Amino acid sequence: LLIRRSVAETEDRVRGELLDDLLADPAASAHRDPGSLTLRARRLGVDLARPHAVAVVDCEPALRSRLAAEATRVVRGLGGLAGTRQGRTVLLVPCDRARTLAQDLAAGLARGIGAPVTVGTAGPATAPDRHAALHTEALRCLTALHALGRTGEGADVAALGFIGVLLGDRADIAAHVDRVLGPVLAYDAERGTELVRTLHAYYDQGASLARAKDALHVHVNTVVQRLDRVAQLLGPDWNTPDSALELHLALRLHQLSRTDPGTPAPAPGATGRTA
């Protein structure tokens, strides 16, 4: 038994090292040889000519080591690779549909460890030099799932709707958020107010003042006064249907930019200063 365990641990380490090399940035790996990677993978029973997706899986911190072991066991049966990068378990799995893979992994791994598992995926792709980009996208998807309150689900970027579309190209997201939400962010930063948090609660509660004040634990007049201030900063048309959609999107993107991967975003009213 000890010999078998030692062999299994050695093989898992070798498979993890191969995954690290596959996910390394090709531009930063001057001596990276795709042919060598393909040969190493073949020796481990992994056919890189098949389409592969990258999945980043996460759960509550106390169970992450258990999740890593369970994910390694599962992915071995699927003919893929498992390893750890940036504190998260990463899988390279042969598949045709990344979204289906994410959903299956989230459900199966949750049963295996007895706790919710969140899975972000990207792909599939057949070229080994695409895997690094897939890992970045899968991690971005995982971060978005947590920030959107969808912890315990599995998805790819395309399943995130309009936010997923924007996450596909992050070049102008900061500028977009600043253009739409800038005056409110600046006002909060300068005065220590909670206009952004109030807007989150207002939209999350279906634009209901009554439900927003309950979520924020303040009087309804406080919510009204804060939204009046938002109107002064953004203009009287801030809550028309078109403007509200753009503003809500900017709020979500701002939330994503402030959320650490693996840390669920707090619900309105859960943290922050009282009114």
Protein backbone atom coordinates (compact mmCIF):
# COMPACT_ATOMS: atom_id res chain seq x y z
CA LEU A 1 0.00 0.00 0.00
CA LEU A 2 2.83 2.39 0.83
CA ILE A 3 4.51 1.65 -2.50
CA ARG A 4 1.24 2.21 -4.39
CA ARG A 5 0.65 5.47 -2.53
CA SER A 6 4.19 6.61 -3.28
CA VAL A 7 3.78 5.81 -6.98
CA ALA A 8 0.44 7.66 -7.11
CA GLU A 9 1.87 10.72 -5.37
CA THR A 10 4.83 10.78 -7.75
CA GLU A 11 2.57 10.52 -10.78
CA ASP A 12 0.30 13.28 -9.47
CA ARG A 13 3.38 15.49 -9.00
CA VAL A 14 4.58 14.80 -12.54
CA ARG A 15 1.12 15.51 -13.94
CA GLY A 16 0.96 18.74 -11.94
CA GLU A 17 4.35 19.84 -13.28
CA LEU A 18 3.16 19.22 -16.83
CA LEU A 19 0.03 21.27 -16.17
CA ASP A 20 2.17 24.12 -14.82
CA ASP A 21 4.21 24.10 -18.01
CA LEU A 22 1.10 24.00 -20.20
CA LEU A 23 -0.43 26.97 -18.37
CA ALA A 24 2.75 29.05 -18.40
CA ASP A 25 2.63 32.18 -20.54
CA PRO A 26 4.16 31.23 -23.92
CA ALA A 27 5.61 34.72 -24.30
CA ALA A 28 7.49 34.34 -20.99
CA SER A 29 8.75 30.83 -21.81
CA ALA A 30 11.41 31.32 -24.46
CA HIS A 31 12.48 27.68 -24.35
CA ARG A 32 8.99 26.23 -24.36
CA ASP A 33 8.75 23.35 -26.84
CA PRO A 34 5.18 22.39 -27.82
CA GLY A 35 6.40 19.09 -29.22
CA SER A 36 8.03 18.19 -25.93
CA LEU A 37 4.87 19.07 -24.02
CA THR A 38 2.80 16.89 -26.33
CA LEU A 39 5.20 13.98 -25.86
CA ARG A 40 5.21 14.33 -22.07
CA ALA A 41 1.42 14.43 -22.08
CA ARG A 42 1.21 11.34 -24.26
CA ARG A 43 3.39 9.41 -21.81
CA LEU A 44 0.82 10.23 -19.12
CA GLY A 45 -2.10 9.15 -21.29
CA VAL A 46 -3.18 12.69 -22.17
CA ASP A 47 -3.87 13.43 -25.83
CA LEU A 48 -3.38 17.17 -26.36
CA ALA A 49 -4.65 16.85 -29.93
CA ARG A 50 -8.14 16.51 -28.48
CA PRO A 51 -10.07 19.64 -27.47
CA HIS A 52 -9.39 20.53 -23.83
CA ALA A 53 -11.02 23.03 -21.49
CA VAL A 54 -9.46 24.62 -18.42
CA ALA A 55 -11.45 24.67 -15.18
CA VAL A 56 -10.64 26.55 -11.97
CA VAL A 57 -12.51 25.12 -8.98
CA ASP A 58 -12.97 26.60 -5.53
CA CYS A 59 -14.76 26.05 -2.23
CA GLU A 60 -14.55 27.39 1.31
CA PRO A 61 -10.90 27.72 2.41
CA ALA A 62 -11.06 25.00 5.07
CA LEU A 63 -11.97 22.36 2.46
CA ARG A 64 -9.61 23.36 -0.37
CA SER A 65 -7.08 20.60 0.27
CA ARG A 66 -9.88 18.05 0.27
CA LEU A 67 -11.27 19.57 -2.91
CA ALA A 68 -7.85 19.33 -4.58
CA ALA A 69 -7.64 15.61 -3.76
CA GLU A 70 -11.17 14.93 -4.97
CA ALA A 71 -10.64 16.96 -8.17
CA THR A 72 -7.42 15.07 -8.89
CA ARG A 73 -9.24 11.76 -8.52
CA VAL A 74 -12.10 12.87 -10.78
CA VAL A 75 -9.94 14.38 -13.51
CA ARG A 76 -7.72 11.31 -13.65
CA GLY A 77 -10.80 9.32 -14.63
CA LEU A 78 -11.58 11.89 -17.32
CA GLY A 79 -8.10 11.63 -18.84
CA GLY A 80 -7.01 15.12 -17.82
CA LEU A 81 -4.55 16.90 -15.56
CA ALA A 82 -4.91 18.57 -12.17
CA GLY A 83 -2.72 20.99 -10.25
CA THR A 84 -2.71 24.10 -8.10
CA ARG A 85 -2.06 27.66 -9.27
CA GLN A 86 -2.52 30.88 -7.28
CA GLY A 87 -4.10 28.89 -4.46
CA ARG A 88 -6.84 27.42 -6.65
CA THR A 89 -7.22 23.91 -8.03
CA VAL A 90 -6.89 23.96 -11.83
CA LEU A 91 -7.95 21.19 -14.20
CA LEU A 92 -7.22 20.54 -17.86
CA VAL A 93 -9.98 18.26 -19.11
CA PRO A 94 -10.79 16.85 -22.57
CA CYS A 95 -14.28 18.04 -23.49
CA ASP A 96 -16.35 19.66 -26.23
CA ARG A 97 -18.46 22.03 -24.09
CA ALA A 98 -16.83 24.03 -21.29
CA ARG A 99 -20.17 25.09 -19.78
CA THR A 100 -21.40 21.52 -19.44
CA LEU A 101 -18.08 20.53 -17.91
CA ALA A 102 -18.37 23.36 -15.36
CA GLN A 103 -21.86 22.33 -14.33
CA ASP A 104 -20.94 18.65 -14.05
CA LEU A 105 -17.82 19.40 -12.02
CA ALA A 106 -19.65 21.76 -9.67
CA ALA A 107 -22.31 19.15 -8.96
CA GLY A 108 -19.99 16.13 -8.76
CA LEU A 109 -17.27 17.73 -6.64
CA ALA A 110 -19.86 19.21 -4.28
CA ARG A 111 -21.20 15.73 -3.66
CA GLY A 112 -17.66 14.45 -3.15
CA ILE A 113 -16.69 16.96 -0.44
CA GLY A 114 -20.14 17.66 0.96
CA ALA A 115 -19.96 21.42 0.37
CA PRO A 116 -20.67 23.90 -2.46
CA VAL A 117 -18.04 24.04 -5.20
CA THR A 118 -17.75 26.91 -7.68
CA VAL A 119 -16.27 26.23 -11.11
CA GLY A 120 -15.19 28.65 -13.82
CA THR A 121 -14.24 27.19 -17.20
CA ALA A 122 -12.89 28.33 -20.56
CA GLY A 123 -12.35 26.62 -23.88
CA PRO A 124 -12.11 24.19 -25.41
CA ALA A 125 -8.93 24.53 -27.48
CA THR A 126 -6.57 22.07 -29.13
CA ALA A 127 -3.35 24.13 -29.32
CA PRO A 128 -1.18 23.86 -26.17
CA ASP A 129 -0.19 27.52 -26.51
CA ARG A 130 -3.85 28.49 -25.91
CA HIS A 131 -4.07 26.90 -22.46
CA ALA A 132 -2.50 29.84 -20.61
CA ALA A 133 -5.14 32.21 -22.00
CA LEU A 134 -7.87 29.71 -21.13
CA HIS A 135 -6.64 29.60 -17.54
CA THR A 136 -6.81 33.39 -17.29
CA GLU A 137 -10.37 33.39 -18.64
CA ALA A 138 -11.48 30.54 -16.37
CA LEU A 139 -10.10 32.33 -13.31
CA ARG A 140 -11.85 35.52 -14.39
CA CYS A 141 -15.09 33.55 -14.71
CA LEU A 142 -14.66 32.08 -11.22
CA THR A 143 -14.11 35.56 -9.80
CA ALA A 144 -17.23 36.80 -11.56
CA LEU A 145 -19.36 33.95 -10.20
CA HIS A 146 -18.35 34.83 -6.65
CA ALA A 147 -18.90 38.54 -7.21
CA LEU A 148 -22.34 37.95 -8.71
CA GLY A 149 -23.45 35.87 -5.75
CA ARG A 150 -23.41 32.63 -7.75
CA THR A 151 -21.09 30.71 -5.45
CA GLY A 152 -21.68 26.97 -5.81
CA GLU A 153 -22.42 27.16 -9.56
CA GLY A 154 -20.42 26.19 -12.63
CA ALA A 155 -20.26 28.35 -15.76
CA ASP A 156 -18.13 29.69 -18.57
CA VAL A 157 -17.86 33.38 -19.46
CA ALA A 158 -20.58 33.08 -22.12
CA ALA A 159 -23.04 31.92 -19.43
CA LEU A 160 -22.61 35.21 -17.52
CA GLY A 161 -24.72 37.18 -20.00
CA PHE A 162 -23.78 40.75 -20.83
CA ILE A 163 -21.16 40.80 -18.08
CA GLY A 164 -19.52 37.78 -19.68
CA VAL A 165 -19.40 39.59 -23.02
CA LEU A 166 -17.63 42.55 -21.46
CA LEU A 167 -15.26 40.30 -19.52
CA GLY A 168 -14.08 38.95 -22.86
CA ASP A 169 -12.24 42.23 -23.43
CA ARG A 170 -11.27 44.10 -20.26
CA ALA A 171 -9.30 46.86 -21.96
CA ASP A 172 -11.89 49.63 -21.50
CA ILE A 173 -13.85 48.35 -18.51
CA ALA A 174 -12.21 50.72 -16.00
CA ALA A 175 -12.89 53.67 -18.30
CA HIS A 176 -16.49 52.54 -18.76
CA VAL A 177 -17.07 52.30 -15.00
CA ASP A 178 -15.51 55.72 -14.45
CA ARG A 179 -17.60 57.30 -17.20
CA VAL A 180 -20.88 55.93 -15.83
CA LEU A 181 -20.25 55.80 -12.09
CA GLY A 182 -17.29 58.14 -11.59
CA PRO A 183 -19.04 61.07 -9.84
CA VAL A 184 -20.70 58.73 -7.33
CA LEU A 185 -17.47 56.84 -6.63
CA ALA A 186 -15.61 60.13 -6.15
CA TYR A 187 -18.31 61.47 -3.82
CA ASP A 188 -18.17 58.36 -1.63
CA ALA A 189 -14.36 58.44 -1.56
CA GLU A 190 -14.23 62.12 -0.58
CA ARG A 191 -17.01 62.12 2.01
CA GLY A 192 -17.16 58.55 3.33
CA THR A 193 -20.78 58.19 2.22
CA GLU A 194 -22.49 55.02 0.97
CA LEU A 195 -24.12 56.00 -2.29
CA VAL A 196 -22.64 53.06 -4.22
CA ARG A 197 -23.75 50.58 -1.57
CA THR A 198 -27.21 52.13 -1.62
CA LEU A 199 -27.41 51.82 -5.40
CA HIS A 200 -26.42 48.14 -5.14
CA ALA A 201 -29.19 47.51 -2.63
CA TYR A 202 -31.73 49.50 -4.63
CA TYR A 203 -31.16 47.54 -7.84
CA ASP A 204 -30.69 44.19 -6.11
CA GLN A 205 -34.07 44.67 -4.45
CA GLY A 206 -35.87 45.35 -7.73
CA ALA A 207 -35.77 49.16 -7.43
CA SER A 208 -37.96 48.94 -4.32
CA LEU A 209 -37.33 51.62 -1.71
CA ALA A 210 -39.00 49.53 1.00
CA ARG A 211 -36.90 46.43 0.37
CA ALA A 212 -33.72 48.48 -0.11
CA LYS A 213 -34.10 50.16 3.28
CA ASP A 214 -34.57 46.73 4.89
CA ALA A 215 -31.43 45.41 3.19
CA LEU A 216 -29.46 48.47 4.29
CA HIS A 217 -31.02 48.60 7.78
CA VAL A 218 -31.82 52.30 7.45
CA HIS A 219 -34.97 54.42 7.32
CA VAL A 220 -36.64 54.75 3.94
CA ASN A 221 -36.05 58.52 4.05
CA THR A 222 -32.31 57.84 4.17
CA VAL A 223 -32.56 55.80 0.98
CA VAL A 224 -34.56 58.58 -0.70
CA GLN A 225 -32.03 61.21 0.36
CA ARG A 226 -29.13 59.14 -0.94
CA LEU A 227 -30.83 58.53 -4.29
CA ASP A 228 -31.60 62.25 -4.55
CA ARG A 229 -27.88 62.86 -4.15
CA VAL A 230 -27.20 60.31 -6.91
CA ALA A 231 -29.61 62.23 -9.16
CA GLN A 232 -27.70 65.46 -8.45
CA LEU A 233 -24.42 63.76 -9.36
CA LEU A 234 -25.55 61.80 -12.43
CA GLY A 235 -28.42 63.91 -13.72
CA PRO A 236 -32.21 63.64 -13.49
CA ASP A 237 -32.38 60.83 -16.08
CA TRP A 238 -30.18 58.45 -14.05
CA ASN A 239 -33.06 56.00 -13.42
CA THR A 240 -34.65 55.85 -16.87
CA PRO A 241 -34.65 52.27 -18.25
CA ASP A 242 -31.63 52.75 -20.54
CA SER A 243 -29.61 54.68 -17.95
CA ALA A 244 -30.54 52.28 -15.16
CA LEU A 245 -29.32 49.29 -17.18
CA GLU A 246 -25.99 50.99 -17.90
CA LEU A 247 -25.63 52.10 -14.28
CA HIS A 248 -26.44 48.64 -12.94
CA LEU A 249 -23.88 47.12 -15.29
CA ALA A 250 -21.23 49.63 -14.15
CA LEU A 251 -22.00 48.76 -10.53
CA ARG A 252 -21.52 45.05 -11.23
CA LEU A 253 -18.27 45.64 -13.09
CA HIS A 254 -16.99 47.84 -10.28
CA GLN A 255 -17.90 45.09 -7.84
CA LEU A 256 -16.00 42.55 -9.93
CA SER A 257 -12.89 44.73 -9.97
CA ARG A 258 -12.91 44.90 -6.16
CA THR A 259 -13.57 41.19 -5.49
CA ASP A 260 -10.66 38.90 -4.71
CA PRO A 261 -10.85 35.54 -6.52
CA GLY A 262 -12.46 33.02 -4.21
CA THR A 263 -13.96 35.62 -1.89
CA PRO A 264 -17.74 35.94 -2.24
CA ALA A 265 -18.93 39.53 -2.47
CA PRO A 266 -20.78 40.74 0.64
CA ALA A 267 -24.52 41.14 0.40
CA PRO A 268 -25.83 44.69 0.76
CA GLY A 269 -26.01 45.50 4.44
CA ALA A 270 -23.57 42.79 5.44
CA THR A 271 -20.59 45.10 5.81
CA GLY A 272 -19.74 48.78 5.73
CA ARG A 273 -20.63 51.79 7.81
CA THR A 274 -24.08 52.39 9.18
CA ALA A 275 -26.06 55.35 7.99
